[in-house]
Amino acid sequence: AFGGSFPRRESYDFVKEKVEYTFYDPQTATKELVDEVFG
């Protein structure tokens, strides 16, 4: 699961790392996508 919890959800880098984990190529996790999930 995406997290089960978000222990560091206020950390942008943590959320970015989680979104990148979804893809084989971390570049697929665009800033727009990371911003959306962070929000």
PDB file of all heavy atoms in Angstrom:
ATOM      1  N   ALA A   1       0.820  -1.213   0.000  1.00  0.00           N
ATOM      2  CA  ALA A   1       0.000   0.000   0.000  1.00  0.00           C
ATOM      3  C   ALA A   1       0.854   1.262   0.000  1.00  0.00           C
ATOM      4  O   ALA A   1       1.984   1.263   0.482  1.00  0.00           O
ATOM      5  CB  ALA A   1      -0.916  -0.007   1.215  1.00  0.00           C
ATOM      6  N   PHE A   2       0.256   2.327  -0.499  1.00  0.00           N
ATOM      7  CA  PHE A   2       0.963   3.603  -0.662  1.00  0.00           C
ATOM      8  C   PHE A   2       1.638   4.047   0.631  1.00  0.00           C
ATOM      9  O   PHE A   2       2.643   4.694   0.620  1.00  0.00           O
ATOM     10  CB  PHE A   2      -0.010   4.677  -1.136  1.00  0.00           C
ATOM     11  CG  PHE A   2       0.659   5.970  -1.514  1.00  0.00           C
ATOM     12  CD1 PHE A   2       1.152   6.163  -2.801  1.00  0.00           C
ATOM     13  CD2 PHE A   2       0.843   6.975  -0.588  1.00  0.00           C
ATOM     14  CE1 PHE A   2       1.784   7.346  -3.148  1.00  0.00           C
ATOM     15  CE2 PHE A   2       1.475   8.153  -0.931  1.00  0.00           C
ATOM     16  CZ  PHE A   2       1.942   8.343  -2.217  1.00  0.00           C
ATOM     17  N   GLY A   3       1.105   3.646   1.733  1.00  0.00           N
ATOM     18  CA  GLY A   3       1.758   4.025   2.978  1.00  0.00           C
ATOM     19  C   GLY A   3       1.162   3.330   4.172  1.00  0.00           C
ATOM     20  O   GLY A   3       1.865   2.950   5.083  1.00  0.00           O
ATOM     21  N   GLY A   4      -0.167   3.158   4.169  1.00  0.00           N
ATOM     22  CA  GLY A   4      -0.813   2.682   5.388  1.00  0.00           C
ATOM     23  C   GLY A   4      -0.884   3.815   6.401  1.00  0.00           C
ATOM     24  O   GLY A   4      -1.833   3.983   7.136  1.00  0.00           O
ATOM     25  N   SER A   5       0.161   4.627   6.387  1.00  0.00           N
ATOM     26  CA  SER A   5       0.169   5.876   7.153  1.00  0.00           C
ATOM     27  C   SER A   5       1.159   6.803   6.450  1.00  0.00           C
ATOM     28  O   SER A   5       1.895   6.385   5.579  1.00  0.00           O
ATOM     29  CB  SER A   5       0.618   5.628   8.595  1.00  0.00           C
ATOM     30  OG  SER A   5       1.971   5.229   8.604  1.00  0.00           O
ATOM     31  N   PHE A   6       1.124   8.069   6.829  1.00  0.00           N
ATOM     32  CA  PHE A   6       2.076   9.020   6.243  1.00  0.00           C
ATOM     33  C   PHE A   6       2.858   9.676   7.369  1.00  0.00           C
ATOM     34  O   PHE A   6       2.547  10.769   7.815  1.00  0.00           O
ATOM     35  CB  PHE A   6       1.333  10.083   5.414  1.00  0.00           C
ATOM     36  CG  PHE A   6       0.720   9.538   4.174  1.00  0.00           C
ATOM     37  CD1 PHE A   6      -0.611   9.175   4.140  1.00  0.00           C
ATOM     38  CD2 PHE A   6       1.483   9.358   3.032  1.00  0.00           C
ATOM     39  CE1 PHE A   6      -1.177   8.658   2.991  1.00  0.00           C
ATOM     40  CE2 PHE A   6       0.926   8.835   1.876  1.00  0.00           C
ATOM     41  CZ  PHE A   6      -0.410   8.480   1.863  1.00  0.00           C
ATOM     42  N   PRO A   7       3.893   8.978   7.869  1.00  0.00           N
ATOM     43  CA  PRO A   7       4.595   9.495   9.047  1.00  0.00           C
ATOM     44  C   PRO A   7       5.263  10.843   8.801  1.00  0.00           C
ATOM     45  O   PRO A   7       5.454  11.602   9.737  1.00  0.00           O
ATOM     46  CB  PRO A   7       5.640   8.407   9.333  1.00  0.00           C
ATOM     47  CG  PRO A   7       5.789   7.645   8.050  1.00  0.00           C
ATOM     48  CD  PRO A   7       4.455   7.716   7.385  1.00  0.00           C
ATOM     49  N   ARG A   8       5.586  11.118   7.531  1.00  0.00           N
ATOM     50  CA  ARG A   8       6.265  12.390   7.256  1.00  0.00           C
ATOM     51  C   ARG A   8       5.566  13.097   6.099  1.00  0.00           C
ATOM     52  O   ARG A   8       6.195  13.546   5.150  1.00  0.00           O
ATOM     53  CB  ARG A   8       7.734  12.122   6.930  1.00  0.00           C
ATOM     54  CG  ARG A   8       8.533  11.665   8.147  1.00  0.00           C
ATOM     55  CD  ARG A   8       9.836  10.999   7.783  1.00  0.00           C
ATOM     56  NE  ARG A   8      10.579  11.719   6.768  1.00  0.00           N
ATOM     57  CZ  ARG A   8      11.303  11.129   5.825  1.00  0.00           C
ATOM     58  NH1 ARG A   8      11.360   9.815   5.754  1.00  0.00           N
ATOM     59  NH2 ARG A   8      11.966  11.834   4.940  1.00  0.00           N
ATOM     60  N   ARG A   9       4.250  13.195   6.198  1.00  0.00           N
ATOM     61  CA  ARG A   9       3.504  13.732   5.063  1.00  0.00           C
ATOM     62  C   ARG A   9       3.778  15.214   4.818  1.00  0.00           C
ATOM     63  O   ARG A   9       3.578  15.703   3.725  1.00  0.00           O
ATOM     64  CB  ARG A   9       2.003  13.468   5.225  1.00  0.00           C
ATOM     65  CG  ARG A   9       1.340  14.106   6.400  1.00  0.00           C
ATOM     66  CD  ARG A   9      -0.050  13.517   6.601  1.00  0.00           C
ATOM     67  NE  ARG A   9      -0.652  13.915   7.863  1.00  0.00           N
ATOM     68  CZ  ARG A   9      -1.603  14.819   7.993  1.00  0.00           C
ATOM     69  NH1 ARG A   9      -2.061  15.455   6.947  1.00  0.00           N
ATOM     70  NH2 ARG A   9      -2.098  15.109   9.171  1.00  0.00           N
ATOM     71  N   GLU A  10       4.254  15.912   5.871  1.00  0.00           N
ATOM     72  CA  GLU A  10       4.550  17.333   5.659  1.00  0.00           C
ATOM     73  C   GLU A  10       5.892  17.527   4.939  1.00  0.00           C
ATOM     74  O   GLU A  10       6.248  18.626   4.550  1.00  0.00           O
ATOM     75  CB  GLU A  10       4.519  18.104   6.989  1.00  0.00           C
ATOM     76  CG  GLU A  10       5.585  17.733   7.999  1.00  0.00           C
ATOM     77  CD  GLU A  10       5.361  16.352   8.646  1.00  0.00           C
ATOM     78  OE1 GLU A  10       4.210  15.896   8.694  1.00  0.00           O
ATOM     79  OE2 GLU A  10       6.353  15.741   9.085  1.00  0.00           O
ATOM     80  N   SER A  11       6.647  16.419   4.761  1.00  0.00           N
ATOM     81  CA  SER A  11       7.932  16.504   4.062  1.00  0.00           C
ATOM     82  C   SER A  11       7.722  16.293   2.562  1.00  0.00           C
ATOM     83  O   SER A  11       7.323  15.214   2.131  1.00  0.00           O
ATOM     84  CB  SER A  11       8.900  15.446   4.607  1.00  0.00           C
ATOM     85  OG  SER A  11       9.937  15.219   3.673  1.00  0.00           O
ATOM     86  N   TYR A  12       8.001  17.304   1.779  1.00  0.00           N
ATOM     87  CA  TYR A  12       7.809  17.218   0.320  1.00  0.00           C
ATOM     88  C   TYR A  12       8.692  16.119  -0.273  1.00  0.00           C
ATOM     89  O   TYR A  12       8.250  15.348  -1.129  1.00  0.00           O
ATOM     90  CB  TYR A  12       8.133  18.570  -0.325  1.00  0.00           C
ATOM     91  CG  TYR A  12       7.797  18.622  -1.798  1.00  0.00           C
ATOM     92  CD1 TYR A  12       6.514  18.940  -2.234  1.00  0.00           C
ATOM     93  CD2 TYR A  12       8.765  18.348  -2.776  1.00  0.00           C
ATOM     94  CE1 TYR A  12       6.191  18.989  -3.587  1.00  0.00           C
ATOM     95  CE2 TYR A  12       8.458  18.390  -4.121  1.00  0.00           C
ATOM     96  CZ  TYR A  12       7.169  18.714  -4.524  1.00  0.00           C
ATOM     97  OH  TYR A  12       6.862  18.747  -5.862  1.00  0.00           O
ATOM     98  N   ASP A  13       9.930  16.024   0.230  1.00  0.00           N
ATOM     99  CA  ASP A  13      10.853  15.018  -0.312  1.00  0.00           C
ATOM    100  C   ASP A  13      10.363  13.597  -0.027  1.00  0.00           C
ATOM    101  O   ASP A  13      10.522  12.700  -0.854  1.00  0.00           O
ATOM    102  CB  ASP A  13      12.265  15.209   0.276  1.00  0.00           C
ATOM    103  CG  ASP A  13      12.963  16.421  -0.316  1.00  0.00           C
ATOM    104  OD1 ASP A  13      12.509  16.890  -1.382  1.00  0.00           O
ATOM    105  OD2 ASP A  13      13.935  16.911   0.282  1.00  0.00           O
ATOM    106  N   PHE A  14       9.761  13.404   1.140  1.00  0.00           N
ATOM    107  CA  PHE A  14       9.216  12.087   1.499  1.00  0.00           C
ATOM    108  C   PHE A  14       8.080  11.707   0.538  1.00  0.00           C
ATOM    109  O   PHE A  14       8.030  10.588   0.018  1.00  0.00           O
ATOM    110  CB  PHE A  14       8.709  12.118   2.943  1.00  0.00           C
ATOM    111  CG  PHE A  14       7.965  10.870   3.348  1.00  0.00           C
ATOM    112  CD1 PHE A  14       8.641   9.699   3.636  1.00  0.00           C
ATOM    113  CD2 PHE A  14       6.573  10.883   3.449  1.00  0.00           C
ATOM    114  CE1 PHE A  14       7.949   8.546   4.023  1.00  0.00           C
ATOM    115  CE2 PHE A  14       5.875   9.741   3.829  1.00  0.00           C
ATOM    116  CZ  PHE A  14       6.566   8.573   4.116  1.00  0.00           C
ATOM    117  N   VAL A  15       7.179  12.647   0.300  1.00  0.00           N
ATOM    118  CA  VAL A  15       6.048  12.389  -0.604  1.00  0.00           C
ATOM    119  C   VAL A  15       6.563  12.162  -2.026  1.00  0.00           C
ATOM    120  O   VAL A  15       6.100  11.257  -2.736  1.00  0.00           O
ATOM    121  CB  VAL A  15       5.024  13.555  -0.555  1.00  0.00           C
ATOM    122  CG1 VAL A  15       3.934  13.375  -1.611  1.00  0.00           C
ATOM    123  CG2 VAL A  15       4.392  13.646   0.838  1.00  0.00           C
ATOM    124  N   LYS A  16       7.556  12.948  -2.433  1.00  0.00           N
ATOM    125  CA  LYS A  16       8.141  12.794  -3.772  1.00  0.00           C
ATOM    126  C   LYS A  16       8.716  11.384  -3.937  1.00  0.00           C
ATOM    127  O   LYS A  16       8.504  10.722  -4.959  1.00  0.00           O
ATOM    128  CB  LYS A  16       9.240  13.840  -3.966  1.00  0.00           C
ATOM    129  CG  LYS A  16       9.941  13.799  -5.319  1.00  0.00           C
ATOM    130  CD  LYS A  16      10.837  15.042  -5.471  1.00  0.00           C
ATOM    131  CE  LYS A  16      11.527  15.061  -6.826  1.00  0.00           C
ATOM    132  NZ  LYS A  16      12.728  14.227  -6.863  1.00  0.00           N
ATOM    133  N   GLU A  17       9.411  10.926  -2.910  1.00  0.00           N
ATOM    134  CA  GLU A  17      10.008   9.579  -2.938  1.00  0.00           C
ATOM    135  C   GLU A  17       8.913   8.502  -3.063  1.00  0.00           C
ATOM    136  O   GLU A  17       9.055   7.535  -3.810  1.00  0.00           O
ATOM    137  CB  GLU A  17      10.776   9.389  -1.623  1.00  0.00           C
ATOM    138  CG  GLU A  17      11.707   8.203  -1.590  1.00  0.00           C
ATOM    139  CD  GLU A  17      12.423   8.147  -0.234  1.00  0.00           C
ATOM    140  OE1 GLU A  17      13.181   9.093   0.087  1.00  0.00           O
ATOM    141  OE2 GLU A  17      12.190   7.177   0.493  1.00  0.00           O
ATOM    142  N   LYS A  18       7.796   8.699  -2.341  1.00  0.00           N
ATOM    143  CA  LYS A  18       6.677   7.758  -2.390  1.00  0.00           C
ATOM    144  C   LYS A  18       6.046   7.717  -3.786  1.00  0.00           C
ATOM    145  O   LYS A  18       5.684   6.642  -4.281  1.00  0.00           O
ATOM    146  CB  LYS A  18       5.608   8.146  -1.359  1.00  0.00           C
ATOM    147  CG  LYS A  18       5.954   7.757   0.062  1.00  0.00           C
ATOM    148  CD  LYS A  18       5.711   6.274   0.279  1.00  0.00           C
ATOM    149  CE  LYS A  18       5.847   5.871   1.728  1.00  0.00           C
ATOM    150  NZ  LYS A  18       5.710   4.419   1.891  1.00  0.00           N
ATOM    151  N   VAL A  19       5.897   8.887  -4.391  1.00  0.00           N
ATOM    152  CA  VAL A  19       5.292   8.947  -5.728  1.00  0.00           C
ATOM    153  C   VAL A  19       6.236   8.311  -6.749  1.00  0.00           C
ATOM    154  O   VAL A  19       5.808   7.537  -7.613  1.00  0.00           O
ATOM    155  CB  VAL A  19       4.943  10.403  -6.128  1.00  0.00           C
ATOM    156  CG1 VAL A  19       4.380  10.458  -7.548  1.00  0.00           C
ATOM    157  CG2 VAL A  19       3.930  10.999  -5.157  1.00  0.00           C
ATOM    158  N   GLU A  20       7.527   8.590  -6.637  1.00  0.00           N
ATOM    159  CA  GLU A  20       8.516   7.989  -7.549  1.00  0.00           C
ATOM    160  C   GLU A  20       8.530   6.471  -7.449  1.00  0.00           C
ATOM    161  O   GLU A  20       8.752   5.776  -8.436  1.00  0.00           O
ATOM    162  CB  GLU A  20       9.920   8.556  -7.243  1.00  0.00           C
ATOM    163  CG  GLU A  20      10.092   9.990  -7.698  1.00  0.00           C
ATOM    164  CD  GLU A  20      11.433  10.589  -7.274  1.00  0.00           C
ATOM    165  OE1 GLU A  20      12.135   9.984  -6.431  1.00  0.00           O
ATOM    166  OE2 GLU A  20      11.760  11.675  -7.784  1.00  0.00           O
ATOM    167  N   TYR A  21       8.275   5.953  -6.251  1.00  0.00           N
ATOM    168  CA  TYR A  21       8.253   4.509  -6.003  1.00  0.00           C
ATOM    169  C   TYR A  21       7.190   3.805  -6.859  1.00  0.00           C
ATOM    170  O   TYR A  21       7.304   2.621  -7.166  1.00  0.00           O
ATOM    171  CB  TYR A  21       7.967   4.292  -4.512  1.00  0.00           C
ATOM    172  CG  TYR A  21       8.032   2.861  -4.035  1.00  0.00           C
ATOM    173  CD1 TYR A  21       9.254   2.216  -3.845  1.00  0.00           C
ATOM    174  CD2 TYR A  21       6.863   2.148  -3.735  1.00  0.00           C
ATOM    175  CE1 TYR A  21       9.316   0.912  -3.376  1.00  0.00           C
ATOM    176  CE2 TYR A  21       6.916   0.834  -3.268  1.00  0.00           C
ATOM    177  CZ  TYR A  21       8.149   0.227  -3.094  1.00  0.00           C
ATOM    178  OH  TYR A  21       8.201  -1.062  -2.624  1.00  0.00           O
ATOM    179  N   THR A  22       6.175   4.557  -7.258  1.00  0.00           N
ATOM    180  CA  THR A  22       5.079   4.020  -8.082  1.00  0.00           C
ATOM    181  C   THR A  22       5.570   3.615  -9.473  1.00  0.00           C
ATOM    182  O   THR A  22       4.977   2.751 -10.112  1.00  0.00           O
ATOM    183  CB  THR A  22       3.969   5.098  -8.228  1.00  0.00           C
ATOM    184  OG1 THR A  22       3.606   5.541  -6.918  1.00  0.00           O
ATOM    185  CG2 THR A  22       2.741   4.556  -8.923  1.00  0.00           C
ATOM    186  N   PHE A  23       6.644   4.245  -9.934  1.00  0.00           N
ATOM    187  CA  PHE A  23       7.086   4.063 -11.319  1.00  0.00           C
ATOM    188  C   PHE A  23       8.443   3.358 -11.392  1.00  0.00           C
ATOM    189  O   PHE A  23       9.220   3.379 -10.443  1.00  0.00           O
ATOM    190  CB  PHE A  23       7.192   5.428 -12.019  1.00  0.00           C
ATOM    191  CG  PHE A  23       5.914   6.228 -11.961  1.00  0.00           C
ATOM    192  CD1 PHE A  23       5.775   7.283 -11.075  1.00  0.00           C
ATOM    193  CD2 PHE A  23       4.838   5.908 -12.786  1.00  0.00           C
ATOM    194  CE1 PHE A  23       4.598   8.013 -11.009  1.00  0.00           C
ATOM    195  CE2 PHE A  23       3.658   6.624 -12.728  1.00  0.00           C
ATOM    196  CZ  PHE A  23       3.542   7.679 -11.837  1.00  0.00           C
ATOM    197  N   TYR A  24       8.715   2.777 -12.551  1.00  0.00           N
ATOM    198  CA  TYR A  24      10.043   2.222 -12.809  1.00  0.00           C
ATOM    199  C   TYR A  24      11.038   3.376 -12.997  1.00  0.00           C
ATOM    200  O   TYR A  24      12.116   3.388 -12.422  1.00  0.00           O
ATOM    201  CB  TYR A  24      10.005   1.331 -14.056  1.00  0.00           C
ATOM    202  CG  TYR A  24      11.371   0.886 -14.519  1.00  0.00           C
ATOM    203  CD1 TYR A  24      12.027  -0.161 -13.870  1.00  0.00           C
ATOM    204  CD2 TYR A  24      12.016   1.505 -15.598  1.00  0.00           C
ATOM    205  CE1 TYR A  24      13.292  -0.574 -14.273  1.00  0.00           C
ATOM    206  CE2 TYR A  24      13.273   1.097 -16.009  1.00  0.00           C
ATOM    207  CZ  TYR A  24      13.914   0.059 -15.350  1.00  0.00           C
ATOM    208  OH  TYR A  24      15.150  -0.339 -15.760  1.00  0.00           O
ATOM    209  N   ASP A  25      10.629   4.341 -13.808  1.00  0.00           N
ATOM    210  CA  ASP A  25      11.472   5.518 -14.058  1.00  0.00           C
ATOM    211  C   ASP A  25      10.966   6.665 -13.183  1.00  0.00           C
ATOM    212  O   ASP A  25       9.880   7.187 -13.410  1.00  0.00           O
ATOM    213  CB  ASP A  25      11.374   5.915 -15.538  1.00  0.00           C
ATOM    214  CG  ASP A  25      12.192   7.151 -15.865  1.00  0.00           C
ATOM    215  OD1 ASP A  25      12.878   7.682 -14.957  1.00  0.00           O
ATOM    216  OD2 ASP A  25      12.133   7.613 -17.026  1.00  0.00           O
ATOM    217  N   PRO A  26      11.749   7.057 -12.166  1.00  0.00           N
ATOM    218  CA  PRO A  26      11.277   8.111 -11.258  1.00  0.00           C
ATOM    219  C   PRO A  26      10.957   9.428 -11.965  1.00  0.00           C
ATOM    220  O   PRO A  26      10.188  10.236 -11.454  1.00  0.00           O
ATOM    221  CB  PRO A  26      12.437   8.285 -10.271  1.00  0.00           C
ATOM    222  CG  PRO A  26      13.599   7.559 -10.851  1.00  0.00           C
ATOM    223  CD  PRO A  26      13.073   6.540 -11.804  1.00  0.00           C
ATOM    224  N   GLN A  27      11.517   9.624 -13.173  1.00  0.00           N
ATOM    225  CA  GLN A  27      11.228  10.850 -13.932  1.00  0.00           C
ATOM    226  C   GLN A  27       9.749  10.962 -14.304  1.00  0.00           C
ATOM    227  O   GLN A  27       9.250  12.047 -14.598  1.00  0.00           O
ATOM    228  CB  GLN A  27      12.073  10.899 -15.213  1.00  0.00           C
ATOM    229  CG  GLN A  27      13.570  10.973 -14.989  1.00  0.00           C
ATOM    230  CD  GLN A  27      13.979  12.221 -14.233  1.00  0.00           C
ATOM    231  OE1 GLN A  27      13.588  13.326 -14.571  1.00  0.00           O
ATOM    232  NE2 GLN A  27      14.754  12.041 -13.167  1.00  0.00           N
ATOM    233  N   THR A  28       9.036   9.819 -14.297  1.00  0.00           N
ATOM    234  CA  THR A  28       7.602   9.837 -14.614  1.00  0.00           C
ATOM    235  C   THR A  28       6.834  10.621 -13.557  1.00  0.00           C
ATOM    236  O   THR A  28       5.756  11.150 -13.830  1.00  0.00           O
ATOM    237  CB  THR A  28       7.046   8.387 -14.709  1.00  0.00           C
ATOM    238  OG1 THR A  28       7.935   7.611 -15.514  1.00  0.00           O
ATOM    239  CG2 THR A  28       5.665   8.344 -15.321  1.00  0.00           C
ATOM    240  N   ALA A  29       7.391  10.681 -12.351  1.00  0.00           N
ATOM    241  CA  ALA A  29       6.757  11.447 -11.261  1.00  0.00           C
ATOM    242  C   ALA A  29       7.081  12.929 -11.455  1.00  0.00           C
ATOM    243  O   ALA A  29       8.016  13.466 -10.872  1.00  0.00           O
ATOM    244  CB  ALA A  29       7.260  10.952  -9.912  1.00  0.00           C
ATOM    245  N   THR A  30       6.305  13.574 -12.294  1.00  0.00           N
ATOM    246  CA  THR A  30       6.529  14.990 -12.597  1.00  0.00           C
ATOM    247  C   THR A  30       6.269  15.842 -11.356  1.00  0.00           C
ATOM    248  O   THR A  30       5.576  15.412 -10.424  1.00  0.00           O
ATOM    249  CB  THR A  30       5.573  15.458 -13.719  1.00  0.00           C
ATOM    250  OG1 THR A  30       4.223  15.271 -13.254  1.00  0.00           O
ATOM    251  CG2 THR A  30       5.801  14.669 -14.998  1.00  0.00           C
ATOM    252  N   LYS A  31       6.787  17.070 -11.382  1.00  0.00           N
ATOM    253  CA  LYS A  31       6.551  17.976 -10.256  1.00  0.00           C
ATOM    254  C   LYS A  31       5.055  18.211 -10.076  1.00  0.00           C
ATOM    255  O   LYS A  31       4.548  18.256  -8.949  1.00  0.00           O
ATOM    256  CB  LYS A  31       7.271  19.301 -10.494  1.00  0.00           C
ATOM    257  CG  LYS A  31       7.135  20.245  -9.311  1.00  0.00           C
ATOM    258  CD  LYS A  31       7.920  21.516  -9.483  1.00  0.00           C
ATOM    259  CE  LYS A  31       7.847  22.371  -8.211  1.00  0.00           C
ATOM    260  NZ  LYS A  31       6.483  22.677  -7.754  1.00  0.00           N
ATOM    261  N   GLU A  32       4.333  18.305 -11.197  1.00  0.00           N
ATOM    262  CA  GLU A  32       2.886  18.520 -11.140  1.00  0.00           C
ATOM    263  C   GLU A  32       2.185  17.384 -10.377  1.00  0.00           C
ATOM    264  O   GLU A  32       1.322  17.607  -9.538  1.00  0.00           O
ATOM    265  CB  GLU A  32       2.341  18.607 -12.574  1.00  0.00           C
ATOM    266  CG  GLU A  32       0.873  18.945 -12.661  1.00  0.00           C
ATOM    267  CD  GLU A  32       0.376  18.935 -14.099  1.00  0.00           C
ATOM    268  OE1 GLU A  32       1.042  18.339 -14.981  1.00  0.00           O
ATOM    269  OE2 GLU A  32      -0.690  19.510 -14.331  1.00  0.00           O
ATOM    270  N   LEU A  33       2.622  16.159 -10.676  1.00  0.00           N
ATOM    271  CA  LEU A  33       2.035  14.982 -10.024  1.00  0.00           C
ATOM    272  C   LEU A  33       2.383  14.954  -8.540  1.00  0.00           C
ATOM    273  O   LEU A  33       1.520  14.703  -7.685  1.00  0.00           O
ATOM    274  CB  LEU A  33       2.529  13.706 -10.722  1.00  0.00           C
ATOM    275  CG  LEU A  33       1.881  12.386 -10.313  1.00  0.00           C
ATOM    276  CD1 LEU A  33       0.395  12.390 -10.603  1.00  0.00           C
ATOM    277  CD2 LEU A  33       2.553  11.225 -11.041  1.00  0.00           C
ATOM    278  N   VAL A  34       3.653  15.208  -8.224  1.00  0.00           N
ATOM    279  CA  VAL A  34       4.085  15.219  -6.819  1.00  0.00           C
ATOM    280  C   VAL A  34       3.346  16.319  -6.051  1.00  0.00           C
ATOM    281  O   VAL A  34       2.868  16.098  -4.930  1.00  0.00           O
ATOM    282  CB  VAL A  34       5.614  15.396  -6.701  1.00  0.00           C
ATOM    283  CG1 VAL A  34       6.041  15.510  -5.230  1.00  0.00           C
ATOM    284  CG2 VAL A  34       6.348  14.232  -7.369  1.00  0.00           C
ATOM    285  N   ASP A  35       3.218  17.495  -6.657  1.00  0.00           N
ATOM    286  CA  ASP A  35       2.483  18.604  -6.020  1.00  0.00           C
ATOM    287  C   ASP A  35       1.048  18.202  -5.699  1.00  0.00           C
ATOM    288  O   ASP A  35       0.520  18.514  -4.627  1.00  0.00           O
ATOM    289  CB  ASP A  35       2.460  19.835  -6.938  1.00  0.00           C
ATOM    290  CG  ASP A  35       3.810  20.540  -7.025  1.00  0.00           C
ATOM    291  OD1 ASP A  35       4.714  20.183  -6.229  1.00  0.00           O
ATOM    292  OD2 ASP A  35       3.966  21.420  -7.888  1.00  0.00           O
ATOM    293  N   GLU A  36       0.437  17.502  -6.655  1.00  0.00           N
ATOM    294  CA  GLU A  36      -0.957  17.081  -6.489  1.00  0.00           C
ATOM    295  C   GLU A  36      -1.104  16.118  -5.312  1.00  0.00           C
ATOM    296  O   GLU A  36      -1.988  16.278  -4.461  1.00  0.00           O
ATOM    297  CB  GLU A  36      -1.429  16.409  -7.784  1.00  0.00           C
ATOM    298  CG  GLU A  36      -2.920  16.196  -7.852  1.00  0.00           C
ATOM    299  CD  GLU A  36      -3.345  15.665  -9.222  1.00  0.00           C
ATOM    300  OE1 GLU A  36      -2.635  15.897 -10.220  1.00  0.00           O
ATOM    301  OE2 GLU A  36      -4.386  15.009  -9.263  1.00  0.00           O
ATOM    302  N   VAL A  37      -0.210  15.114  -5.251  1.00  0.00           N
ATOM    303  CA  VAL A  37      -0.267  14.136  -4.157  1.00  0.00           C
ATOM    304  C   VAL A  37       0.086  14.801  -2.829  1.00  0.00           C
ATOM    305  O   VAL A  37      -0.543  14.538  -1.795  1.00  0.00           O
ATOM    306  CB  VAL A  37       0.661  12.929  -4.448  1.00  0.00           C
ATOM    307  CG1 VAL A  37       0.706  11.981  -3.248  1.00  0.00           C
ATOM    308  CG2 VAL A  37       0.190  12.180  -5.695  1.00  0.00           C
ATOM    309  N   PHE A  38       1.070  15.700  -2.842  1.00  0.00           N
ATOM    310  CA  PHE A  38       1.468  16.420  -1.625  1.00  0.00           C
ATOM    311  C   PHE A  38       0.274  17.202  -1.067  1.00  0.00           C
ATOM    312  O   PHE A  38       0.017  17.204   0.139  1.00  0.00           O
ATOM    313  CB  PHE A  38       2.633  17.368  -1.936  1.00  0.00           C
ATOM    314  CG  PHE A  38       3.171  18.078  -0.723  1.00  0.00           C
ATOM    315  CD1 PHE A  38       3.936  17.399   0.214  1.00  0.00           C
ATOM    316  CD2 PHE A  38       2.917  19.429  -0.523  1.00  0.00           C
ATOM    317  CE1 PHE A  38       4.439  18.051   1.338  1.00  0.00           C
ATOM    318  CE2 PHE A  38       3.412  20.091   0.595  1.00  0.00           C
ATOM    319  CZ  PHE A  38       4.175  19.394   1.526  1.00  0.00           C
ATOM    320  N   GLY A  39      -0.472  17.836  -1.975  1.00  0.00           N
ATOM    321  CA  GLY A  39      -1.670  18.575  -1.562  1.00  0.00           C
ATOM    322  C   GLY A  39      -2.701  17.659  -0.928  1.00  0.00           C
ATOM    323  O   GLY A  39      -3.311  17.985   0.098  1.00  0.00           O
TER     324      GLY A  39
END
